[in-house]
């Protein structure tokens, strides 16, 4: 558990429960990051994601009558996930840097006022 009382790592059961939300692109950033980290570590879950993606997307596309390359589509979705995680991480780091700068400026003002 982390210091907020949340589980630090995702287990296989939780991963499998979240696969439909991943396919529907409904995962928030913290969940998406844990989902990605677990998928990178667990071959069984990666395979389960592949199966569920193929079944879900394949049936939907067969009903629509559209052509598809599910392997390429899944790879594209995973690449989008990685980019989203990377972008959010950069954004979070920028936010932390701005907070540190703001605290530094406030401290400088307080010190200046006291002198």
PDB file of N, CA and C in Angstrom:
ATOM      1  N   UNK A   1       0.831  -1.187   0.000  1.00  0.00           N
ATOM      2  CA  UNK A   1       0.000   0.000   0.000  1.00  0.00           C
ATOM      3  C   UNK A   1       0.876   1.251   0.000  1.00  0.00           C
ATOM      4  N   UNK A   2       0.384   2.279  -0.690  1.00  0.00           N
ATOM      5  CA  UNK A   2       1.117   3.536  -0.658  1.00  0.00           C
ATOM      6  C   UNK A   2       0.667   4.337   0.570  1.00  0.00           C
ATOM      7  N   UNK A   3       1.165   5.535   0.719  1.00  0.00           N
ATOM      8  CA  UNK A   3       0.883   6.289   1.932  1.00  0.00           C
ATOM      9  C   UNK A   3      -0.523   6.863   1.971  1.00  0.00           C
ATOM     10  N   UNK A   4      -1.313   6.706   0.884  1.00  0.00           N
ATOM     11  CA  UNK A   4      -2.728   7.097   0.897  1.00  0.00           C
ATOM     12  C   UNK A   4      -3.617   5.906   1.230  1.00  0.00           C
ATOM     13  N   UNK A   5      -3.007   4.734   1.438  1.00  0.00           N
ATOM     14  CA  UNK A   5      -3.767   3.545   1.772  1.00  0.00           C
ATOM     15  C   UNK A   5      -4.243   2.771   0.549  1.00  0.00           C
ATOM     16  N   UNK A   6      -3.781   3.142  -0.643  1.00  0.00           N
ATOM     17  CA  UNK A   6      -4.156   2.427  -1.852  1.00  0.00           C
ATOM     18  C   UNK A   6      -3.143   1.334  -2.147  1.00  0.00           C
ATOM     19  N   UNK A   7      -3.607   0.300  -2.846  1.00  0.00           N
ATOM     20  CA  UNK A   7      -2.690  -0.745  -3.271  1.00  0.00           C
ATOM     21  C   UNK A   7      -1.721  -0.175  -4.290  1.00  0.00           C
ATOM     22  N   UNK A   8      -0.454  -0.466  -4.114  1.00  0.00           N
ATOM     23  CA  UNK A   8       0.568   0.085  -4.999  1.00  0.00           C
ATOM     24  C   UNK A   8       0.566  -0.618  -6.361  1.00  0.00           C
ATOM     25  N   UNK A   9       0.327  -1.910  -6.386  1.00  0.00           N
ATOM     26  CA  UNK A   9       0.366  -2.665  -7.631  1.00  0.00           C
ATOM     27  C   UNK A   9      -0.975  -3.319  -7.891  1.00  0.00           C
ATOM     28  N   UNK A  10      -1.271  -3.507  -9.148  1.00  0.00           N
ATOM     29  CA  UNK A  10      -2.507  -4.151  -9.565  1.00  0.00           C
ATOM     30  C   UNK A  10      -2.282  -5.661  -9.613  1.00  0.00           C
ATOM     31  N   UNK A  11      -3.285  -6.423  -9.199  1.00  0.00           N
ATOM     32  CA  UNK A  11      -3.183  -7.880  -9.325  1.00  0.00           C
ATOM     33  C   UNK A  11      -3.931  -8.341 -10.581  1.00  0.00           C
ATOM     34  N   UNK A  12      -3.791  -9.610 -10.910  1.00  0.00           N
ATOM     35  CA  UNK A  12      -4.377 -10.146 -12.145  1.00  0.00           C
ATOM     36  C   UNK A  12      -5.898 -10.044 -12.149  1.00  0.00           C
ATOM     37  N   UNK A  13      -6.514 -10.295 -11.019  1.00  0.00           N
ATOM     38  CA  UNK A  13      -7.974 -10.242 -10.940  1.00  0.00           C
ATOM     39  C   UNK A  13      -8.484  -8.833 -11.247  1.00  0.00           C
ATOM     40  N   UNK A  14      -7.834  -7.837 -10.669  1.00  0.00           N
ATOM     41  CA  UNK A  14      -8.229  -6.453 -10.921  1.00  0.00           C
ATOM     42  C   UNK A  14      -7.969  -6.076 -12.381  1.00  0.00           C
ATOM     43  N   UNK A  15      -6.845  -6.527 -12.932  1.00  0.00           N
ATOM     44  CA  UNK A  15      -6.522  -6.262 -14.330  1.00  0.00           C
ATOM     45  C   UNK A  15      -7.624  -6.799 -15.240  1.00  0.00           C
ATOM     46  N   UNK A  16      -7.994  -8.054 -15.033  1.00  0.00           N
ATOM     47  CA  UNK A  16      -9.008  -8.676 -15.876  1.00  0.00           C
ATOM     48  C   UNK A  16     -10.353  -7.963 -15.753  1.00  0.00           C
ATOM     49  N   UNK A  17     -10.666  -7.488 -14.560  1.00  0.00           N
ATOM     50  CA  UNK A  17     -11.919  -6.761 -14.345  1.00  0.00           C
ATOM     51  C   UNK A  17     -11.927  -5.443 -15.114  1.00  0.00           C
ATOM     52  N   UNK A  18     -10.746  -4.859 -15.315  1.00  0.00           N
ATOM     53  CA  UNK A  18     -10.641  -3.559 -15.976  1.00  0.00           C
ATOM     54  C   UNK A  18     -10.485  -3.635 -17.499  1.00  0.00           C
ATOM     55  N   UNK A  19     -10.314  -4.816 -18.041  1.00  0.00           N
ATOM     56  CA  UNK A  19     -10.120  -4.949 -19.487  1.00  0.00           C
ATOM     57  C   UNK A  19     -11.272  -4.316 -20.286  1.00  0.00           C
ATOM     58  N   UNK A  20     -12.542  -4.574 -19.947  1.00  0.00           N
ATOM     59  CA  UNK A  20     -13.618  -3.924 -20.718  1.00  0.00           C
ATOM     60  C   UNK A  20     -13.547  -2.396 -20.683  1.00  0.00           C
ATOM     61  N   UNK A  21     -13.170  -1.831 -19.539  1.00  0.00           N
ATOM     62  CA  UNK A  21     -13.026  -0.376 -19.456  1.00  0.00           C
ATOM     63  C   UNK A  21     -11.843   0.113 -20.288  1.00  0.00           C
ATOM     64  N   UNK A  22     -10.770  -0.670 -20.352  1.00  0.00           N
ATOM     65  CA  UNK A  22      -9.645  -0.301 -21.207  1.00  0.00           C
ATOM     66  C   UNK A  22     -10.076  -0.302 -22.669  1.00  0.00           C
ATOM     67  N   UNK A  23     -10.774  -1.342 -23.082  1.00  0.00           N
ATOM     68  CA  UNK A  23     -11.224  -1.451 -24.467  1.00  0.00           C
ATOM     69  C   UNK A  23     -12.150  -0.281 -24.811  1.00  0.00           C
ATOM     70  N   UNK A  24     -12.999   0.108 -23.861  1.00  0.00           N
ATOM     71  CA  UNK A  24     -13.923   1.228 -24.074  1.00  0.00           C
ATOM     72  C   UNK A  24     -13.255   2.581 -23.846  1.00  0.00           C
ATOM     73  N   UNK A  25     -11.972   2.570 -23.496  1.00  0.00           N
ATOM     74  CA  UNK A  25     -11.181   3.780 -23.232  1.00  0.00           C
ATOM     75  C   UNK A  25     -11.797   4.629 -22.119  1.00  0.00           C
ATOM     76  N   UNK A  26     -12.128   3.968 -20.998  1.00  0.00           N
ATOM     77  CA  UNK A  26     -12.763   4.639 -19.873  1.00  0.00           C
ATOM     78  C   UNK A  26     -11.915   4.662 -18.604  1.00  0.00           C
ATOM     79  N   UNK A  27     -10.626   4.313 -18.699  1.00  0.00           N
ATOM     80  CA  UNK A  27      -9.779   4.281 -17.509  1.00  0.00           C
ATOM     81  C   UNK A  27      -9.194   5.653 -17.231  1.00  0.00           C
ATOM     82  N   UNK A  28      -9.196   6.059 -15.962  1.00  0.00           N
ATOM     83  CA  UNK A  28      -8.548   7.314 -15.585  1.00  0.00           C
ATOM     84  C   UNK A  28      -7.034   7.101 -15.545  1.00  0.00           C
ATOM     85  N   UNK A  29      -6.292   8.198 -15.424  1.00  0.00           N
ATOM     86  CA  UNK A  29      -4.829   8.116 -15.505  1.00  0.00           C
ATOM     87  C   UNK A  29      -4.206   7.174 -14.477  1.00  0.00           C
ATOM     88  N   UNK A  30      -4.509   7.314 -13.174  1.00  0.00           N
ATOM     89  CA  UNK A  30      -3.833   6.421 -12.218  1.00  0.00           C
ATOM     90  C   UNK A  30      -4.120   4.944 -12.498  1.00  0.00           C
ATOM     91  N   UNK A  31      -5.359   4.638 -12.866  1.00  0.00           N
ATOM     92  CA  UNK A  31      -5.721   3.252 -13.157  1.00  0.00           C
ATOM     93  C   UNK A  31      -5.051   2.784 -14.438  1.00  0.00           C
ATOM     94  N   UNK A  32      -5.033   3.651 -15.446  1.00  0.00           N
ATOM     95  CA  UNK A  32      -4.392   3.307 -16.720  1.00  0.00           C
ATOM     96  C   UNK A  32      -2.910   3.028 -16.524  1.00  0.00           C
ATOM     97  N   UNK A  33      -2.259   3.812 -15.677  1.00  0.00           N
ATOM     98  CA  UNK A  33      -0.830   3.614 -15.425  1.00  0.00           C
ATOM     99  C   UNK A  33      -0.587   2.263 -14.744  1.00  0.00           C
ATOM    100  N   UNK A  34      -1.376   1.929 -13.733  1.00  0.00           N
ATOM    101  CA  UNK A  34      -1.225   0.636 -13.055  1.00  0.00           C
ATOM    102  C   UNK A  34      -1.556  -0.510 -14.005  1.00  0.00           C
ATOM    103  N   UNK A  35      -2.577  -0.310 -14.847  1.00  0.00           N
ATOM    104  CA  UNK A  35      -2.974  -1.308 -15.839  1.00  0.00           C
ATOM    105  C   UNK A  35      -1.807  -1.589 -16.778  1.00  0.00           C
ATOM    106  N   UNK A  36      -1.177  -0.525 -17.275  1.00  0.00           N
ATOM    107  CA  UNK A  36      -0.045  -0.660 -18.185  1.00  0.00           C
ATOM    108  C   UNK A  36       1.136  -1.355 -17.508  1.00  0.00           C
ATOM    109  N   UNK A  37       1.439  -0.945 -16.286  1.00  0.00           N
ATOM    110  CA  UNK A  37       2.561  -1.546 -15.559  1.00  0.00           C
ATOM    111  C   UNK A  37       2.328  -3.037 -15.333  1.00  0.00           C
ATOM    112  N   UNK A  38       1.095  -3.416 -14.980  1.00  0.00           N
ATOM    113  CA  UNK A  38       0.800  -4.828 -14.760  1.00  0.00           C
ATOM    114  C   UNK A  38       0.902  -5.595 -16.079  1.00  0.00           C
ATOM    115  N   UNK A  39       0.371  -5.023 -17.148  1.00  0.00           N
ATOM    116  CA  UNK A  39       0.408  -5.680 -18.449  1.00  0.00           C
ATOM    117  C   UNK A  39       1.849  -5.924 -18.890  1.00  0.00           C
ATOM    118  N   UNK A  40       2.742  -4.972 -18.610  1.00  0.00           N
ATOM    119  CA  UNK A  40       4.146  -5.127 -18.976  1.00  0.00           C
ATOM    120  C   UNK A  40       4.831  -6.248 -18.195  1.00  0.00           C
ATOM    121  N   UNK A  41       4.347  -6.523 -16.981  1.00  0.00           N
ATOM    122  CA  UNK A  41       4.952  -7.552 -16.127  1.00  0.00           C
ATOM    123  C   UNK A  41       4.329  -8.926 -16.297  1.00  0.00           C
ATOM    124  N   UNK A  42       3.071  -8.990 -16.709  1.00  0.00           N
ATOM    125  CA  UNK A  42       2.324 -10.252 -16.660  1.00  0.00           C
ATOM    126  C   UNK A  42       1.904 -10.720 -18.054  1.00  0.00           C
ATOM    127  N   UNK A  43       2.555 -11.740 -18.538  1.00  0.00           N
ATOM    128  CA  UNK A  43       2.239 -12.285 -19.856  1.00  0.00           C
ATOM    129  C   UNK A  43       0.838 -12.873 -19.936  1.00  0.00           C
ATOM    130  N   UNK A  44       0.371 -13.507 -18.858  1.00  0.00           N
ATOM    131  CA  UNK A  44      -0.967 -14.095 -18.862  1.00  0.00           C
ATOM    132  C   UNK A  44      -2.037 -13.013 -19.032  1.00  0.00           C
ATOM    133  N   UNK A  45      -1.873 -11.900 -18.336  1.00  0.00           N
ATOM    134  CA  UNK A  45      -2.851 -10.814 -18.440  1.00  0.00           C
ATOM    135  C   UNK A  45      -2.780 -10.141 -19.805  1.00  0.00           C
ATOM    136  N   UNK A  46      -1.584 -10.025 -20.343  1.00  0.00           N
ATOM    137  CA  UNK A  46      -1.424  -9.446 -21.683  1.00  0.00           C
ATOM    138  C   UNK A  46      -2.169 -10.319 -22.696  1.00  0.00           C
ATOM    139  N   UNK A  47      -2.060 -11.631 -22.534  1.00  0.00           N
ATOM    140  CA  UNK A  47      -2.755 -12.550 -23.421  1.00  0.00           C
ATOM    141  C   UNK A  47      -4.272 -12.460 -23.233  1.00  0.00           C
ATOM    142  N   UNK A  48      -4.717 -12.316 -21.993  1.00  0.00           N
ATOM    143  CA  UNK A  48      -6.151 -12.169 -21.721  1.00  0.00           C
ATOM    144  C   UNK A  48      -6.683 -10.885 -22.355  1.00  0.00           C
ATOM    145  N   UNK A  49      -5.912  -9.812 -22.296  1.00  0.00           N
ATOM    146  CA  UNK A  49      -6.306  -8.560 -22.945  1.00  0.00           C
ATOM    147  C   UNK A  49      -6.449  -8.776 -24.448  1.00  0.00           C
ATOM    148  N   UNK A  50      -5.501  -9.470 -25.040  1.00  0.00           N
ATOM    149  CA  UNK A  50      -5.532  -9.752 -26.476  1.00  0.00           C
ATOM    150  C   UNK A  50      -6.806 -10.518 -26.841  1.00  0.00           C
ATOM    151  N   UNK A  51      -7.121 -11.553 -26.080  1.00  0.00           N
ATOM    152  CA  UNK A  51      -8.307 -12.366 -26.355  1.00  0.00           C
ATOM    153  C   UNK A  51      -9.574 -11.530 -26.235  1.00  0.00           C
ATOM    154  N   UNK A  52      -9.709 -10.801 -25.130  1.00  0.00           N
ATOM    155  CA  UNK A  52     -10.922 -10.012 -24.929  1.00  0.00           C
ATOM    156  C   UNK A  52     -11.045  -8.896 -25.967  1.00  0.00           C
ATOM    157  N   UNK A  53      -9.931  -8.289 -26.334  1.00  0.00           N
ATOM    158  CA  UNK A  53      -9.968  -7.242 -27.360  1.00  0.00           C
ATOM    159  C   UNK A  53     -10.425  -7.833 -28.683  1.00  0.00           C
ATOM    160  N   UNK A  54      -9.862  -8.981 -29.062  1.00  0.00           N
ATOM    161  CA  UNK A  54     -10.238  -9.614 -30.322  1.00  0.00           C
ATOM    162  C   UNK A  54     -11.717  -9.980 -30.334  1.00  0.00           C
ATOM    163  N   UNK A  55     -12.200 -10.538 -29.241  1.00  0.00           N
ATOM    164  CA  UNK A  55     -13.598 -10.941 -29.188  1.00  0.00           C
ATOM    165  C   UNK A  55     -14.512  -9.714 -29.232  1.00  0.00           C
ATOM    166  N   UNK A  56     -14.254  -8.751 -28.369  1.00  0.00           N
ATOM    167  CA  UNK A  56     -15.115  -7.567 -28.284  1.00  0.00           C
ATOM    168  C   UNK A  56     -15.115  -6.767 -29.580  1.00  0.00           C
ATOM    169  N   UNK A  57     -13.931  -6.400 -30.040  1.00  0.00           N
ATOM    170  CA  UNK A  57     -13.827  -5.582 -31.250  1.00  0.00           C
ATOM    171  C   UNK A  57     -14.196  -6.387 -32.496  1.00  0.00           C
ATOM    172  N   UNK A  58     -13.820  -7.652 -32.533  1.00  0.00           N
ATOM    173  CA  UNK A  58     -14.121  -8.488 -33.701  1.00  0.00           C
ATOM    174  C   UNK A  58     -15.608  -8.652 -33.915  1.00  0.00           C
ATOM    175  N   UNK A  59     -16.349  -8.946 -32.856  1.00  0.00           N
ATOM    176  CA  UNK A  59     -17.799  -9.107 -32.967  1.00  0.00           C
ATOM    177  C   UNK A  59     -18.451  -7.801 -33.399  1.00  0.00           C
ATOM    178  N   UNK A  60     -18.024  -6.707 -32.786  1.00  0.00           N
ATOM    179  CA  UNK A  60     -18.599  -5.402 -33.123  1.00  0.00           C
ATOM    180  C   UNK A  60     -18.353  -5.062 -34.599  1.00  0.00           C
ATOM    181  N   UNK A  61     -17.165  -5.331 -35.067  1.00  0.00           N
ATOM    182  CA  UNK A  61     -16.842  -4.988 -36.453  1.00  0.00           C
ATOM    183  C   UNK A  61     -17.491  -5.935 -37.454  1.00  0.00           C
ATOM    184  N   UNK A  62     -17.673  -7.196 -37.051  1.00  0.00           N
ATOM    185  CA  UNK A  62     -18.398  -8.120 -37.921  1.00  0.00           C
ATOM    186  C   UNK A  62     -19.850  -7.674 -38.074  1.00  0.00           C
ATOM    187  N   UNK A  63     -20.443  -7.208 -36.968  1.00  0.00           N
ATOM    188  CA  UNK A  63     -21.821  -6.723 -37.024  1.00  0.00           C
ATOM    189  C   UNK A  63     -21.933  -5.489 -37.905  1.00  0.00           C
ATOM    190  N   UNK A  64     -20.915  -4.623 -37.867  1.00  0.00           N
ATOM    191  CA  UNK A  64     -20.909  -3.404 -38.682  1.00  0.00           C
ATOM    192  C   UNK A  64     -20.548  -3.690 -40.134  1.00  0.00           C
ATOM    193  N   UNK A  65     -19.966  -4.844 -40.381  1.00  0.00           N
ATOM    194  CA  UNK A  65     -19.544  -5.194 -41.732  1.00  0.00           C
ATOM    195  C   UNK A  65     -18.283  -4.490 -42.187  1.00  0.00           C
ATOM    196  N   UNK A  66     -17.524  -3.960 -41.236  1.00  0.00           N
ATOM    197  CA  UNK A  66     -16.306  -3.241 -41.602  1.00  0.00           C
ATOM    198  C   UNK A  66     -15.113  -4.192 -41.627  1.00  0.00           C
ATOM    199  N   UNK A  67     -14.097  -3.812 -42.397  1.00  0.00           N
ATOM    200  CA  UNK A  67     -12.863  -4.597 -42.427  1.00  0.00           C
ATOM    201  C   UNK A  67     -11.996  -4.182 -41.251  1.00  0.00           C
ATOM    202  N   UNK A  68     -11.097  -5.079 -40.841  1.00  0.00           N
ATOM    203  CA  UNK A  68     -10.299  -4.762 -39.660  1.00  0.00           C
ATOM    204  C   UNK A  68      -9.038  -5.603 -39.588  1.00  0.00           C
ATOM    205  N   UNK A  69      -8.066  -5.052 -38.871  1.00  0.00           N
ATOM    206  CA  UNK A  69      -6.825  -5.738 -38.518  1.00  0.00           C
ATOM    207  C   UNK A  69      -6.705  -5.574 -37.002  1.00  0.00           C
ATOM    208  N   UNK A  70      -7.243  -6.512 -36.262  1.00  0.00           N
ATOM    209  CA  UNK A  70      -7.344  -6.373 -34.810  1.00  0.00           C
ATOM    210  C   UNK A  70      -5.986  -6.283 -34.132  1.00  0.00           C
ATOM    211  N   UNK A  71      -5.003  -6.996 -34.640  1.00  0.00           N
ATOM    212  CA  UNK A  71      -3.667  -6.937 -34.036  1.00  0.00           C
ATOM    213  C   UNK A  71      -3.101  -5.524 -34.141  1.00  0.00           C
ATOM    214  N   UNK A  72      -3.226  -4.916 -35.315  1.00  0.00           N
ATOM    215  CA  UNK A  72      -2.742  -3.544 -35.512  1.00  0.00           C
ATOM    216  C   UNK A  72      -3.559  -2.561 -34.669  1.00  0.00           C
ATOM    217  N   UNK A  73      -4.863  -2.799 -34.579  1.00  0.00           N
ATOM    218  CA  UNK A  73      -5.721  -1.913 -33.783  1.00  0.00           C
ATOM    219  C   UNK A  73      -5.360  -1.965 -32.306  1.00  0.00           C
ATOM    220  N   UNK A  74      -5.075  -3.159 -31.793  1.00  0.00           N
ATOM    221  CA  UNK A  74      -4.683  -3.283 -30.398  1.00  0.00           C
ATOM    222  C   UNK A  74      -3.333  -2.606 -30.173  1.00  0.00           C
ATOM    223  N   UNK A  75      -2.389  -2.815 -31.061  1.00  0.00           N
ATOM    224  CA  UNK A  75      -1.082  -2.165 -30.926  1.00  0.00           C
ATOM    225  C   UNK A  75      -1.231  -0.649 -30.941  1.00  0.00           C
ATOM    226  N   UNK A  76      -2.111  -0.145 -31.786  1.00  0.00           N
ATOM    227  CA  UNK A  76      -2.362   1.299 -31.831  1.00  0.00           C
ATOM    228  C   UNK A  76      -2.964   1.786 -30.517  1.00  0.00           C
ATOM    229  N   UNK A  77      -3.905   1.025 -29.974  1.00  0.00           N
ATOM    230  CA  UNK A  77      -4.528   1.391 -28.694  1.00  0.00           C
ATOM    231  C   UNK A  77      -3.494   1.383 -27.572  1.00  0.00           C
ATOM    232  N   UNK A  78      -2.604   0.384 -27.564  1.00  0.00           N
ATOM    233  CA  UNK A  78      -1.553   0.319 -26.543  1.00  0.00           C
ATOM    234  C   UNK A  78      -0.563   1.470 -26.692  1.00  0.00           C
ATOM    235  N   UNK A  79      -0.250   1.839 -27.926  1.00  0.00           N
ATOM    236  CA  UNK A  79       0.648   2.971 -28.163  1.00  0.00           C
ATOM    237  C   UNK A  79       0.001   4.264 -27.673  1.00  0.00           C
ATOM    238  N   UNK A  80      -1.294   4.426 -27.918  1.00  0.00           N
ATOM    239  CA  UNK A  80      -2.021   5.601 -27.428  1.00  0.00           C
ATOM    240  C   UNK A  80      -1.987   5.645 -25.904  1.00  0.00           C
ATOM    241  N   UNK A  81      -2.130   4.477 -25.268  1.00  0.00           N
ATOM    242  CA  UNK A  81      -2.086   4.397 -23.813  1.00  0.00           C
ATOM    243  C   UNK A  81      -0.718   4.854 -23.303  1.00  0.00           C
ATOM    244  N   UNK A  82       0.332   4.374 -23.931  1.00  0.00           N
ATOM    245  CA  UNK A  82       1.691   4.759 -23.501  1.00  0.00           C
ATOM    246  C   UNK A  82       1.925   6.256 -23.683  1.00  0.00           C
ATOM    247  N   UNK A  83       1.441   6.816 -24.788  1.00  0.00           N
ATOM    248  CA  UNK A  83       1.591   8.248 -25.022  1.00  0.00           C
ATOM    249  C   UNK A  83       0.803   9.055 -23.999  1.00  0.00           C
ATOM    250  N   UNK A  84      -0.396   8.587 -23.683  1.00  0.00           N
ATOM    251  CA  UNK A  84      -1.221   9.271 -22.686  1.00  0.00           C
ATOM    252  C   UNK A  84      -0.531   9.253 -21.317  1.00  0.00           C
ATOM    253  N   UNK A  85       0.050   8.129 -20.949  1.00  0.00           N
ATOM    254  CA  UNK A  85       0.760   8.021 -19.670  1.00  0.00           C
ATOM    255  C   UNK A  85       1.986   8.928 -19.671  1.00  0.00           C
ATOM    256  N   UNK A  86       2.725   8.923 -20.760  1.00  0.00           N
ATOM    257  CA  UNK A  86       3.918   9.766 -20.870  1.00  0.00           C
ATOM    258  C   UNK A  86       3.542  11.249 -20.773  1.00  0.00           C
ATOM    259  N   UNK A  87       2.515  11.663 -21.508  1.00  0.00           N
ATOM    260  CA  UNK A  87       2.077  13.057 -21.489  1.00  0.00           C
ATOM    261  C   UNK A  87       1.623  13.460 -20.089  1.00  0.00           C
ATOM    262  N   UNK A  88       0.851  12.605 -19.454  1.00  0.00           N
ATOM    263  CA  UNK A  88       0.357  12.921 -18.114  1.00  0.00           C
ATOM    264  C   UNK A  88       1.521  13.016 -17.124  1.00  0.00           C
ATOM    265  N   UNK A  89       2.501  12.133 -17.265  1.00  0.00           N
ATOM    266  CA  UNK A  89       3.677  12.181 -16.392  1.00  0.00           C
ATOM    267  C   UNK A  89       4.441  13.483 -16.556  1.00  0.00           C
ATOM    268  N   UNK A  90       4.607  13.934 -17.797  1.00  0.00           N
ATOM    269  CA  UNK A  90       5.277  15.214 -18.049  1.00  0.00           C
ATOM    270  C   UNK A  90       4.475  16.349 -17.430  1.00  0.00           C
ATOM    271  N   UNK A  91       3.167  16.313 -17.616  1.00  0.00           N
ATOM    272  CA  UNK A  91       2.289  17.336 -17.067  1.00  0.00           C
ATOM    273  C   UNK A  91       2.369  17.369 -15.541  1.00  0.00           C
ATOM    274  N   UNK A  92       2.406  16.196 -14.924  1.00  0.00           N
ATOM    275  CA  UNK A  92       2.505  16.121 -13.462  1.00  0.00           C
ATOM    276  C   UNK A  92       3.845  16.679 -12.988  1.00  0.00           C
ATOM    277  N   UNK A  93       4.924  16.338 -13.671  1.00  0.00           N
ATOM    278  CA  UNK A  93       6.249  16.859 -13.300  1.00  0.00           C
ATOM    279  C   UNK A  93       6.305  18.373 -13.450  1.00  0.00           C
ATOM    280  N   UNK A  94       5.695  18.887 -14.507  1.00  0.00           N
ATOM    281  CA  UNK A  94       5.635  20.334 -14.706  1.00  0.00           C
ATOM    282  C   UNK A  94       4.860  20.996 -13.567  1.00  0.00           C
ATOM    283  N   UNK A  95       3.759  20.369 -13.158  1.00  0.00           N
ATOM    284  CA  UNK A  95       2.971  20.894 -12.043  1.00  0.00           C
ATOM    285  C   UNK A  95       3.774  20.943 -10.755  1.00  0.00           C
ATOM    286  N   UNK A  96       4.521  19.890 -10.474  1.00  0.00           N
ATOM    287  CA  UNK A  96       5.357  19.853  -9.273  1.00  0.00           C
ATOM    288  C   UNK A  96       6.425  20.945  -9.336  1.00  0.00           C
ATOM    289  N   UNK A  97       7.047  21.111 -10.502  1.00  0.00           N
ATOM    290  CA  UNK A  97       8.076  22.152 -10.662  1.00  0.00           C
ATOM    291  C   UNK A  97       7.476  23.536 -10.433  1.00  0.00           C
ATOM    292  N   UNK A  98       6.269  23.760 -10.927  1.00  0.00           N
ATOM    293  CA  UNK A  98       5.611  25.053 -10.741  1.00  0.00           C
ATOM    294  C   UNK A  98       5.269  25.291  -9.268  1.00  0.00           C
ATOM    295  N   UNK A  99       4.842  24.243  -8.581  1.00  0.00           N
ATOM    296  CA  UNK A  99       4.549  24.368  -7.151  1.00  0.00           C
ATOM    297  C   UNK A  99       5.809  24.703  -6.360  1.00  0.00           C
ATOM    298  N   UNK A 100       6.900  24.049  -6.686  1.00  0.00           N
ATOM    299  CA  UNK A 100       8.176  24.322  -6.004  1.00  0.00           C
ATOM    300  C   UNK A 100       8.612  25.762  -6.270  1.00  0.00           C
ATOM    301  N   UNK A 101       8.474  26.205  -7.526  1.00  0.00           N
ATOM    302  CA  UNK A 101       8.835  27.581  -7.862  1.00  0.00           C
ATOM    303  C   UNK A 101       7.958  28.573  -7.098  1.00  0.00           C
ATOM    304  N   UNK A 102       6.655  28.279  -6.992  1.00  0.00           N
ATOM    305  CA  UNK A 102       5.743  29.180  -6.276  1.00  0.00           C
ATOM    306  C   UNK A 102       6.114  29.264  -4.798  1.00  0.00           C
ATOM    307  N   UNK A 103       6.434  28.131  -4.190  1.00  0.00           N
ATOM    308  CA  UNK A 103       6.845  28.123  -2.783  1.00  0.00           C
ATOM    309  C   UNK A 103       8.139  28.912  -2.621  1.00  0.00           C
ATOM    310  N   UNK A 104       9.066  28.740  -3.548  1.00  0.00           N
ATOM    311  CA  UNK A 104      10.321  29.494  -3.492  1.00  0.00           C
ATOM    312  C   UNK A 104      10.089  30.995  -3.587  1.00  0.00           C
ATOM    313  N   UNK A 105       9.207  31.388  -4.487  1.00  0.00           N
ATOM    314  CA  UNK A 105       8.890  32.817  -4.625  1.00  0.00           C
ATOM    315  C   UNK A 105       8.237  33.351  -3.360  1.00  0.00           C
ATOM    316  N   UNK A 106       7.296  32.583  -2.814  1.00  0.00           N
ATOM    317  CA  UNK A 106       6.640  33.017  -1.571  1.00  0.00           C
ATOM    318  C   UNK A 106       7.645  33.133  -0.424  1.00  0.00           C
ATOM    319  N   UNK A 107       8.549  32.189  -0.321  1.00  0.00           N
ATOM    320  CA  UNK A 107       9.579  32.256   0.726  1.00  0.00           C
ATOM    321  C   UNK A 107      10.484  33.471   0.526  1.00  0.00           C
ATOM    322  N   UNK A 108      10.831  33.750  -0.723  1.00  0.00           N
ATOM    323  CA  UNK A 108      11.668  34.914  -1.007  1.00  0.00           C
ATOM    324  C   UNK A 108      10.954  36.204  -0.613  1.00  0.00           C
ATOM    325  N   UNK A 109       9.655  36.273  -0.878  1.00  0.00           N
ATOM    326  CA  UNK A 109       8.876  37.464  -0.500  1.00  0.00           C
ATOM    327  C   UNK A 109       8.818  37.612   1.008  1.00  0.00           C
ATOM    328  N   UNK A 110       8.592  36.519   1.712  1.00  0.00           N
ATOM    329  CA  UNK A 110       8.519  36.564   3.185  1.00  0.00           C
ATOM    330  C   UNK A 110       9.871  37.006   3.752  1.00  0.00           C
ATOM    331  N   UNK A 111      10.956  36.431   3.254  1.00  0.00           N
ATOM    332  CA  UNK A 111      12.282  36.806   3.727  1.00  0.00           C
ATOM    333  C   UNK A 111      12.551  38.276   3.430  1.00  0.00           C
ATOM    334  N   UNK A 112      12.210  38.732   2.237  1.00  0.00           N
ATOM    335  CA  UNK A 112      12.403  40.123   1.848  1.00  0.00           C
ATOM    336  C   UNK A 112      11.613  41.066   2.777  1.00  0.00           C
ATOM    337  N   UNK A 113      10.370  40.661   3.118  1.00  0.00           N
ATOM    338  CA  UNK A 113       9.528  41.497   3.984  1.00  0.00           C
ATOM    339  C   UNK A 113      10.072  41.554   5.416  1.00  0.00           C
ATOM    340  N   UNK A 114      10.709  40.474   5.851  1.00  0.00           N
ATOM    341  CA  UNK A 114      11.242  40.425   7.205  1.00  0.00           C
ATOM    342  C   UNK A 114      12.561  41.169   7.324  1.00  0.00           C
ATOM    343  N   UNK A 115      13.242  41.400   6.253  1.00  0.00           N
ATOM    344  CA  UNK A 115      14.526  42.091   6.305  1.00  0.00           C
ATOM    345  C   UNK A 115      14.371  43.560   6.283  1.00  0.00           C
TER     346      UNK A 115
END
